[in-house]
Amino acid sequence: MHVDPLLPVAVELFLAILLIAIVLQRLKQPYVIGYLVAGLLLGPHGLGLITDQATQERLGAIGVVLLLFFIGMEVSPRRLVASGKVAVIGTMAQIGISVAIAWLIGLVLDWPFARSVLIGFVISLSSTAVVLKMLQDWGEIDTDTGQDLLGVLLFQDMAVVPMLIVLAFMSGDRPDLGTLALQGVGGVLILALMVLVLVKDPINLPLARWLKEDTEMQVFAALIICFGLATLTGMFGLSTALGAFVGGMVIGSARQTRWVHHNLESLRVLFVALFFVSIGMLVDLDFLAQYWFQVSLLVVAVFLTNTFVNTLILRMLGDGWSESLYAGALLSQIGEFSFVLSAVGYRSGLITSFGYQLTIATIAITLILSSLWIAFMRRAIRARERG
C-alpha cells in the first residue's frame, strides 16, 4: 500500500510539537518556544526529518498573514491612532540609534559604512509575530502598552520598504522610479482605507448578510478578504502582513462578521505554528556549535541593547518606567523581516557568507530565547513593584 511521504513527516512534526508543548505547559512557557524548538530539532540542520524548507517558509508566511489578520480584528482604530506618536517617533529613534551603534562598532572592526547600516537595520526590527502572539496569549493586546507596541510593530513593518530601497542604493542596484511610484500609491491607498475604517465605524458589508447562515461559504469569504488585501499590498511592493492587518480592521469594524474569528481560528493556530517551525529550521546546529561563543555574545548584546534602548525611548515619550521596561523587553528580539534584509545584504555583497550565517543564527536564537527573556523581565518588574 502506498503511503504519501508527507504523512510520516506531518506525524513527526505534530508529535514533536505536542510533546514539547506538554513540557512547556508545565513550565508555564508560551507554545512559541515549542514551535521553534521543533523546527530546530526536525529541520535540515537537526535530525533532517524535514528538508523542504522552501515549502515550510511559504506555509509560515501564510501564518504571519493570518496572525496579523486576527490582530487587526481586535484592534481599536481610534486607540491605534492615539498611539501614533509613540509608533512613529519611537520607531524612527530605534532605527537611528541602532544604525549609530552599528556604525560605532563598524569603526572598531573596520566595516564599510553600508555594512554598518545593514546591521543597524537588522537589529532595529522586532518580531511582529512573536510579540503579538504573546500579547494575544496573555490578553494584553487591548492594554495601553499593547496598543503602543502594536503601532510600533506596524510602523517597523512599513519601514522595511524604505530600508530595502536604501540598501539597494548602497549596493549600486538602484530601484526604478516606477517601483517607487507603485509603492507610494499603495501606501496612500492603505492609509485611505484605514481612515475610512476610522471615520465610518461600523462598516456595513453587503455580503455579510447573505453569508450569515452559510458557515461553509463564510470561511471562503473571510479568506478572500484576508488574502485578497494581502495580495494587493504585495503587488504594490508593500508588506503582505500589512494588507492582512488592514483587512482584519475592516472585518472588525463590520458588526455582521463575528463568525470570521470562530471559523478561521484553527487555521490561524496551524499556520502560525508552521511559521515558527520554519524559523527554527534556519538554525545551523553545526555552525552554532563551532561559533557558539560569538553567537552568544551577539545574542546577549542584542537583548540588552534593544531592551534598554526601547525602554529609554518609550520613557522619554511619556510611559512609566515599569511599562517602558516591559515594552522594551517585548521588543528585544530581532524580527522575521530581518531575515529578508540579511538575505538582500548577502546577495549584494554587503556581508560575507560567514557574516550571513552569523546573522541568521543570532536572529533565530533571539527569537527562540525571547519568551524566556520577556518572562524573566516581567517577573523582575513585578518583584520591583511589590518591593
Protein backbone atom coordinates (compact mmCIF):
# COMPACT_ATOMS: atom_id res chain seq x y z
CA MET A 1 0.00 0.00 0.00
CA HIS A 2 1.35 3.40 -1.00
CA VAL A 3 1.89 5.95 1.78
CA ASP A 4 2.42 9.57 0.86
CA PRO A 5 5.90 10.57 2.16
CA LEU A 6 4.40 13.77 3.56
CA LEU A 7 2.28 11.86 6.09
CA PRO A 8 5.12 10.49 8.28
CA VAL A 9 6.75 13.94 8.28
CA ALA A 10 3.48 15.54 9.40
CA VAL A 11 3.08 12.96 12.17
CA GLU A 12 6.65 13.51 13.38
CA LEU A 13 6.25 17.28 13.33
CA PHE A 14 2.93 17.37 15.17
CA LEU A 15 4.09 14.75 17.69
CA ALA A 16 7.23 16.78 18.42
CA ILE A 17 5.16 19.96 18.87
CA LEU A 18 2.72 18.14 21.18
CA LEU A 19 5.42 16.60 23.40
CA ILE A 20 7.40 19.83 23.67
CA ALA A 21 4.19 21.80 24.33
CA ILE A 22 3.31 19.49 27.25
CA VAL A 23 6.70 20.22 28.84
CA LEU A 24 6.34 23.96 28.22
CA GLN A 25 2.83 23.98 29.68
CA ARG A 26 4.22 22.60 32.95
CA LEU A 27 6.94 25.26 32.88
CA LYS A 28 4.29 27.93 32.11
CA GLN A 29 6.09 28.99 28.94
CA PRO A 30 4.38 30.06 25.66
CA TYR A 31 3.97 27.50 22.89
CA VAL A 32 6.02 29.69 20.57
CA ILE A 33 9.18 28.16 22.07
CA GLY A 34 7.89 24.66 21.28
CA TYR A 35 7.30 25.53 17.63
CA LEU A 36 10.81 26.99 17.31
CA VAL A 37 12.50 24.05 19.06
CA ALA A 38 10.54 21.56 16.94
CA GLY A 39 11.82 23.24 13.78
CA LEU A 40 15.37 23.27 15.12
CA LEU A 41 15.30 19.56 16.04
CA LEU A 42 13.49 18.22 12.97
CA GLY A 43 14.90 20.58 10.34
CA PRO A 44 17.72 20.05 7.83
CA HIS A 45 20.37 21.12 10.37
CA GLY A 46 18.94 18.91 13.14
CA LEU A 47 17.66 15.35 12.65
CA GLY A 48 16.97 16.08 8.98
CA LEU A 49 13.40 14.74 9.09
CA ILE A 50 12.11 17.91 7.39
CA THR A 51 14.20 19.12 4.46
CA ASP A 52 11.75 21.01 2.24
CA GLN A 53 12.47 24.38 3.82
CA ALA A 54 11.13 26.45 0.92
CA THR A 55 7.64 24.98 1.27
CA GLN A 56 7.82 25.37 5.02
CA GLU A 57 8.70 29.05 4.69
CA ARG A 58 5.77 29.63 2.32
CA LEU A 59 3.37 28.00 4.76
CA GLY A 60 4.90 30.05 7.55
CA ALA A 61 4.34 33.26 5.58
CA ILE A 62 0.64 32.38 5.43
CA GLY A 63 0.76 32.06 9.22
CA VAL A 64 2.05 35.61 9.60
CA VAL A 65 -0.68 36.92 7.28
CA LEU A 66 -3.39 35.13 9.29
CA LEU A 67 -1.92 36.30 12.60
CA LEU A 68 -1.96 39.96 11.51
CA PHE A 69 -5.48 39.49 10.12
CA PHE A 70 -6.73 38.30 13.52
CA ILE A 71 -4.87 41.07 15.34
CA GLY A 72 -6.47 43.62 13.02
CA MET A 73 -9.92 42.36 14.03
CA GLU A 74 -9.13 43.00 17.70
CA VAL A 75 -7.69 46.50 17.26
CA SER A 76 -9.49 49.71 18.08
CA PRO A 77 -8.69 52.11 15.19
CA ARG A 78 -9.09 55.17 17.41
CA ARG A 79 -6.70 53.81 20.06
CA LEU A 80 -4.24 52.88 17.34
CA VAL A 81 -4.29 56.45 16.00
CA ALA A 82 -3.87 57.76 19.54
CA SER A 83 -0.63 55.77 19.86
CA GLY A 84 0.67 57.10 16.53
CA LYS A 85 3.14 59.49 18.16
CA VAL A 86 4.80 56.64 20.05
CA ALA A 87 4.82 54.45 16.93
CA VAL A 88 6.39 56.97 14.56
CA ILE A 89 8.87 58.69 16.87
CA GLY A 90 9.72 55.50 18.76
CA THR A 91 10.41 53.50 15.60
CA MET A 92 12.47 56.23 13.94
CA ALA A 93 14.51 56.73 17.12
CA GLN A 94 15.11 52.98 17.46
CA ILE A 95 16.30 52.69 13.85
CA GLY A 96 18.54 55.75 14.17
CA ILE A 97 20.14 54.59 17.44
CA SER A 98 20.63 51.04 16.12
CA VAL A 99 22.40 52.33 12.99
CA ALA A 100 24.55 54.64 15.15
CA ILE A 101 25.58 51.73 17.42
CA ALA A 102 26.40 49.55 14.40
CA TRP A 103 28.41 52.42 12.89
CA LEU A 104 30.48 52.77 16.09
CA ILE A 105 31.14 49.02 16.10
CA GLY A 106 32.00 49.23 12.41
CA LEU A 107 34.62 51.89 13.11
CA VAL A 108 36.36 49.49 15.50
CA LEU A 109 36.07 46.47 13.18
CA ASP A 110 36.79 48.49 10.00
CA TRP A 111 33.43 47.74 8.36
CA PRO A 112 32.26 49.56 5.23
CA PHE A 113 29.58 52.11 6.03
CA ALA A 114 26.97 50.18 4.03
CA ARG A 115 27.55 47.08 6.18
CA SER A 116 27.08 49.12 9.35
CA VAL A 117 23.78 50.46 8.01
CA LEU A 118 22.63 46.93 7.13
CA ILE A 119 23.46 45.60 10.61
CA GLY A 120 21.74 48.61 12.20
CA PHE A 121 18.60 47.95 10.15
CA VAL A 122 18.67 44.24 11.05
CA ILE A 123 18.85 44.75 14.83
CA SER A 124 16.30 47.59 14.84
CA LEU A 125 13.38 45.39 13.76
CA SER A 126 11.45 43.39 16.35
CA SER A 127 9.32 40.32 15.66
CA THR A 128 5.72 41.23 14.91
CA ALA A 129 4.69 37.57 15.04
CA VAL A 130 6.38 36.80 18.39
CA VAL A 131 5.33 39.96 20.24
CA LEU A 132 1.72 39.98 19.06
CA LYS A 133 1.36 36.25 19.73
CA MET A 134 2.50 36.78 23.33
CA LEU A 135 0.28 39.82 23.84
CA GLN A 136 -2.64 37.87 22.43
CA ASP A 137 -1.95 34.80 24.61
CA TRP A 138 -1.63 36.99 27.73
CA GLY A 139 -4.73 39.08 26.92
CA GLU A 140 -2.74 42.32 26.70
CA ILE A 141 -3.47 43.46 23.14
CA ASP A 142 -6.12 45.90 24.37
CA THR A 143 -3.94 47.48 27.07
CA ASP A 144 -2.22 50.85 26.58
CA THR A 145 1.16 49.11 26.33
CA GLY A 146 -0.24 46.58 23.87
CA GLN A 147 -1.64 49.32 21.62
CA ASP A 148 1.65 51.25 21.72
CA LEU A 149 3.59 48.12 20.79
CA LEU A 150 1.15 47.29 18.01
CA GLY A 151 1.69 50.73 16.49
CA VAL A 152 5.48 50.41 16.77
CA LEU A 153 5.50 46.96 15.17
CA LEU A 154 3.27 48.03 12.28
CA PHE A 155 5.41 51.10 11.62
CA GLN A 156 8.52 48.87 11.69
CA ASP A 157 6.90 46.63 9.07
CA MET A 158 6.24 49.65 6.87
CA ALA A 159 9.83 50.83 7.39
CA VAL A 160 11.15 47.65 5.75
CA VAL A 161 10.35 49.04 2.28
CA PRO A 162 12.48 52.22 2.61
CA MET A 163 15.20 50.11 4.27
CA LEU A 164 15.33 47.87 1.20
CA ILE A 165 15.49 50.96 -1.04
CA VAL A 166 18.40 52.38 0.98
CA LEU A 167 20.28 49.07 0.80
CA ALA A 168 19.65 48.88 -2.95
CA PHE A 169 21.15 52.34 -3.45
CA MET A 170 24.17 51.46 -1.30
CA SER A 171 24.82 48.27 -3.23
CA GLY A 172 24.53 50.07 -6.58
CA ASP A 173 21.28 48.32 -7.54
CA ARG A 174 19.01 51.35 -7.64
CA PRO A 175 15.25 50.72 -7.86
CA ASP A 176 13.46 52.28 -10.83
CA LEU A 177 11.08 55.20 -10.43
CA GLY A 178 8.14 53.03 -11.45
CA THR A 179 8.66 50.75 -8.44
CA LEU A 180 8.94 53.69 -6.07
CA ALA A 181 5.79 55.27 -7.53
CA LEU A 182 3.89 51.98 -7.20
CA GLN A 183 4.88 51.68 -3.53
CA GLY A 184 3.84 55.28 -2.94
CA VAL A 185 0.40 54.70 -4.49
CA GLY A 186 -0.01 51.53 -2.42
CA GLY A 187 0.86 53.38 0.77
CA VAL A 188 -1.68 56.13 0.02
CA LEU A 189 -4.43 53.56 -0.69
CA ILE A 190 -3.75 51.67 2.55
CA LEU A 191 -3.83 54.90 4.56
CA ALA A 192 -7.09 55.89 2.84
CA LEU A 193 -8.67 52.55 3.76
CA MET A 194 -7.54 52.90 7.37
CA VAL A 195 -9.03 56.42 7.51
CA LEU A 196 -12.30 55.05 6.09
CA VAL A 197 -12.45 52.43 8.84
CA LEU A 198 -11.72 55.11 11.43
CA VAL A 199 -14.34 57.59 10.16
CA LYS A 200 -17.10 55.19 9.09
CA ASP A 201 -17.39 52.83 12.06
CA PRO A 202 -19.23 50.48 11.81
CA ILE A 203 -18.80 49.50 8.17
CA ASN A 204 -21.65 47.63 6.51
CA LEU A 205 -20.58 44.76 4.24
CA PRO A 206 -23.44 43.60 1.97
CA LEU A 207 -22.04 40.10 1.58
CA ALA A 208 -22.03 39.59 5.35
CA ARG A 209 -25.85 39.48 5.45
CA TRP A 210 -26.00 36.96 2.62
CA LEU A 211 -23.49 34.67 4.31
CA LYS A 212 -24.92 34.95 7.81
CA GLU A 213 -26.29 31.38 7.90
CA ASP A 214 -23.85 29.71 5.46
CA THR A 215 -20.89 28.58 7.59
CA GLU A 216 -19.03 26.90 4.71
CA MET A 217 -19.04 29.97 2.48
CA GLN A 218 -18.17 32.19 5.44
CA VAL A 219 -14.73 30.56 5.59
CA PHE A 220 -14.01 31.32 1.93
CA ALA A 221 -15.38 34.87 2.18
CA ALA A 222 -13.12 35.60 5.16
CA LEU A 223 -10.09 34.13 3.38
CA ILE A 224 -10.82 36.25 0.30
CA ILE A 225 -10.77 39.42 2.41
CA CYS A 226 -7.62 38.35 4.29
CA PHE A 227 -5.52 37.09 1.38
CA GLY A 228 -7.06 39.50 -1.14
CA LEU A 229 -5.84 42.60 0.68
CA ALA A 230 -2.53 40.87 1.47
CA THR A 231 -2.07 40.16 -2.24
CA LEU A 232 -2.91 43.73 -3.20
CA THR A 233 -0.34 45.23 -0.83
CA GLY A 234 2.19 42.70 -2.06
CA MET A 235 1.53 43.75 -5.66
CA PHE A 236 2.19 47.36 -4.65
CA GLY A 237 5.56 46.32 -3.21
CA LEU A 238 4.42 46.61 0.42
CA SER A 239 4.20 44.07 3.24
CA THR A 240 1.53 41.40 2.73
CA ALA A 241 1.12 41.27 6.52
CA LEU A 242 0.18 44.97 6.48
CA GLY A 243 -2.61 44.30 3.97
CA ALA A 244 -3.91 41.42 6.08
CA PHE A 245 -3.90 43.65 9.17
CA VAL A 246 -5.99 46.32 7.43
CA GLY A 247 -8.33 43.58 6.18
CA GLY A 248 -8.75 42.47 9.79
CA MET A 249 -9.61 46.06 10.77
CA VAL A 250 -12.29 46.15 8.07
CA ILE A 251 -13.77 42.87 9.31
CA GLY A 252 -13.60 44.02 12.94
CA SER A 253 -15.47 47.21 12.07
CA ALA A 254 -18.27 45.29 10.32
CA ARG A 255 -20.68 44.21 13.05
CA GLN A 256 -22.18 41.38 10.98
CA THR A 257 -18.92 39.41 10.70
CA ARG A 258 -18.37 37.96 14.19
CA TRP A 259 -18.34 34.49 12.61
CA VAL A 260 -14.93 35.11 10.97
CA HIS A 261 -12.92 34.69 14.19
CA HIS A 262 -14.57 31.38 15.06
CA ASN A 263 -14.33 29.85 11.58
CA LEU A 264 -10.64 30.68 10.96
CA GLU A 265 -9.19 30.15 14.44
CA SER A 266 -7.94 26.60 13.77
CA LEU A 267 -6.27 27.70 10.51
CA ARG A 268 -4.53 30.52 12.36
CA VAL A 269 -3.15 28.16 15.02
CA LEU A 270 -1.83 25.73 12.39
CA PHE A 271 -0.15 28.22 10.09
CA VAL A 272 1.29 30.40 12.85
CA ALA A 273 2.85 27.24 14.29
CA LEU A 274 4.34 26.43 10.87
CA PHE A 275 5.81 29.92 10.69
CA PHE A 276 7.72 29.46 13.93
CA VAL A 277 8.77 25.93 12.92
CA SER A 278 10.24 27.41 9.70
CA ILE A 279 12.25 29.92 11.79
CA GLY A 280 13.66 27.11 13.93
CA MET A 281 14.71 25.23 10.79
CA LEU A 282 17.03 28.07 9.80
CA VAL A 283 19.43 27.42 12.68
CA ASP A 284 22.53 25.52 11.52
CA LEU A 285 23.49 23.44 14.56
CA ASP A 286 27.00 22.70 13.20
CA PHE A 287 27.69 26.42 12.71
CA LEU A 288 26.19 27.14 16.13
CA ALA A 289 28.39 24.52 17.80
CA GLN A 290 31.51 25.89 16.12
CA TYR A 291 30.86 29.59 16.78
CA TRP A 292 28.73 29.37 19.93
CA PHE A 293 30.79 31.97 21.77
CA GLN A 294 30.41 34.65 19.09
CA VAL A 295 26.70 33.91 18.71
CA SER A 296 26.19 34.00 22.50
CA LEU A 297 27.90 37.39 22.79
CA LEU A 298 25.77 38.80 19.98
CA VAL A 299 22.53 37.42 21.45
CA VAL A 300 23.26 38.91 24.89
CA ALA A 301 24.27 42.22 23.31
CA VAL A 302 21.07 42.33 21.23
CA PHE A 303 18.79 41.58 24.20
CA LEU A 304 20.43 44.16 26.46
CA THR A 305 20.78 46.85 23.80
CA ASN A 306 17.27 46.54 22.33
CA THR A 307 15.63 46.28 25.75
CA PHE A 308 17.22 49.35 27.25
CA VAL A 309 17.23 51.48 24.09
CA ASN A 310 13.50 50.90 23.64
CA THR A 311 12.92 51.43 27.37
CA LEU A 312 14.60 54.84 27.27
CA ILE A 313 12.77 55.87 24.09
CA LEU A 314 9.34 54.92 25.46
CA ARG A 315 10.11 56.54 28.82
CA MET A 316 11.03 59.80 27.05
CA LEU A 317 7.73 59.58 25.15
CA GLY A 318 5.77 59.60 28.40
CA ASP A 319 5.32 55.98 29.52
CA GLY A 320 6.11 54.98 33.12
CA TRP A 321 9.35 53.16 33.94
CA SER A 322 7.67 49.79 34.53
CA GLU A 323 5.60 49.97 31.34
CA SER A 324 8.61 51.17 29.33
CA LEU A 325 10.87 48.40 30.64
CA TYR A 326 8.24 45.75 29.93
CA ALA A 327 7.67 47.08 26.41
CA GLY A 328 11.44 47.24 25.86
CA ALA A 329 11.76 43.57 26.82
CA LEU A 330 8.95 42.63 24.44
CA LEU A 331 10.75 44.43 21.59
CA SER A 332 14.16 42.97 22.46
CA GLN A 333 14.40 40.17 19.87
CA ILE A 334 15.31 40.59 16.20
CA GLY A 335 12.33 40.21 13.88
CA GLU A 336 11.41 37.94 10.99
CA PHE A 337 11.77 40.72 8.38
CA SER A 338 15.45 40.96 9.35
CA PHE A 339 15.92 37.63 7.56
CA VAL A 340 14.86 39.41 4.37
CA LEU A 341 17.28 42.30 4.97
CA SER A 342 20.13 39.86 5.72
CA ALA A 343 19.49 37.90 2.53
CA VAL A 344 19.47 41.11 0.48
CA GLY A 345 22.72 42.22 2.13
CA TYR A 346 24.35 38.86 1.40
CA ARG A 347 23.28 38.85 -2.26
CA SER A 348 24.52 42.44 -2.61
CA GLY A 349 27.91 41.63 -1.08
CA LEU A 350 27.39 43.85 1.97
CA ILE A 351 28.13 40.88 4.26
CA THR A 352 30.17 37.73 3.67
CA SER A 353 28.90 34.16 3.84
CA PHE A 354 30.23 33.89 7.39
CA GLY A 355 28.56 37.17 8.36
CA TYR A 356 25.28 35.97 6.86
CA GLN A 357 25.36 32.69 8.80
CA LEU A 358 26.28 34.55 11.99
CA THR A 359 23.41 36.99 11.45
CA ILE A 360 20.89 34.22 10.74
CA ALA A 361 21.97 32.28 13.85
CA THR A 362 21.73 35.39 16.04
CA ILE A 363 18.27 36.33 14.75
CA ALA A 364 16.92 32.80 15.20
CA ILE A 365 18.36 32.37 18.71
CA THR A 366 16.93 35.72 19.86
CA LEU A 367 13.53 34.55 18.61
CA ILE A 368 13.87 31.22 20.41
CA LEU A 369 15.01 32.79 23.69
CA SER A 370 12.89 35.95 23.60
CA SER A 371 9.97 34.50 25.54
CA LEU A 372 12.31 33.41 28.34
CA TRP A 373 13.89 36.89 28.47
CA ILE A 374 10.46 38.56 28.45
CA ALA A 375 9.16 36.26 31.21
CA PHE A 376 12.28 36.99 33.29
CA MET A 377 11.90 40.76 32.85
CA ARG A 378 8.17 40.51 33.58
CA ARG A 379 8.82 38.77 36.91
CA ALA A 380 11.62 41.22 37.75
CA ILE A 381 9.34 44.21 37.10
CA ARG A 382 6.55 42.73 39.25
CA ALA A 383 9.02 41.95 42.07
CA ARG A 384 10.28 45.55 41.88
CA GLU A 385 6.73 46.91 42.06
CA ARG A 386 5.89 44.71 45.09
CA GLY A 387 9.17 45.66 46.80
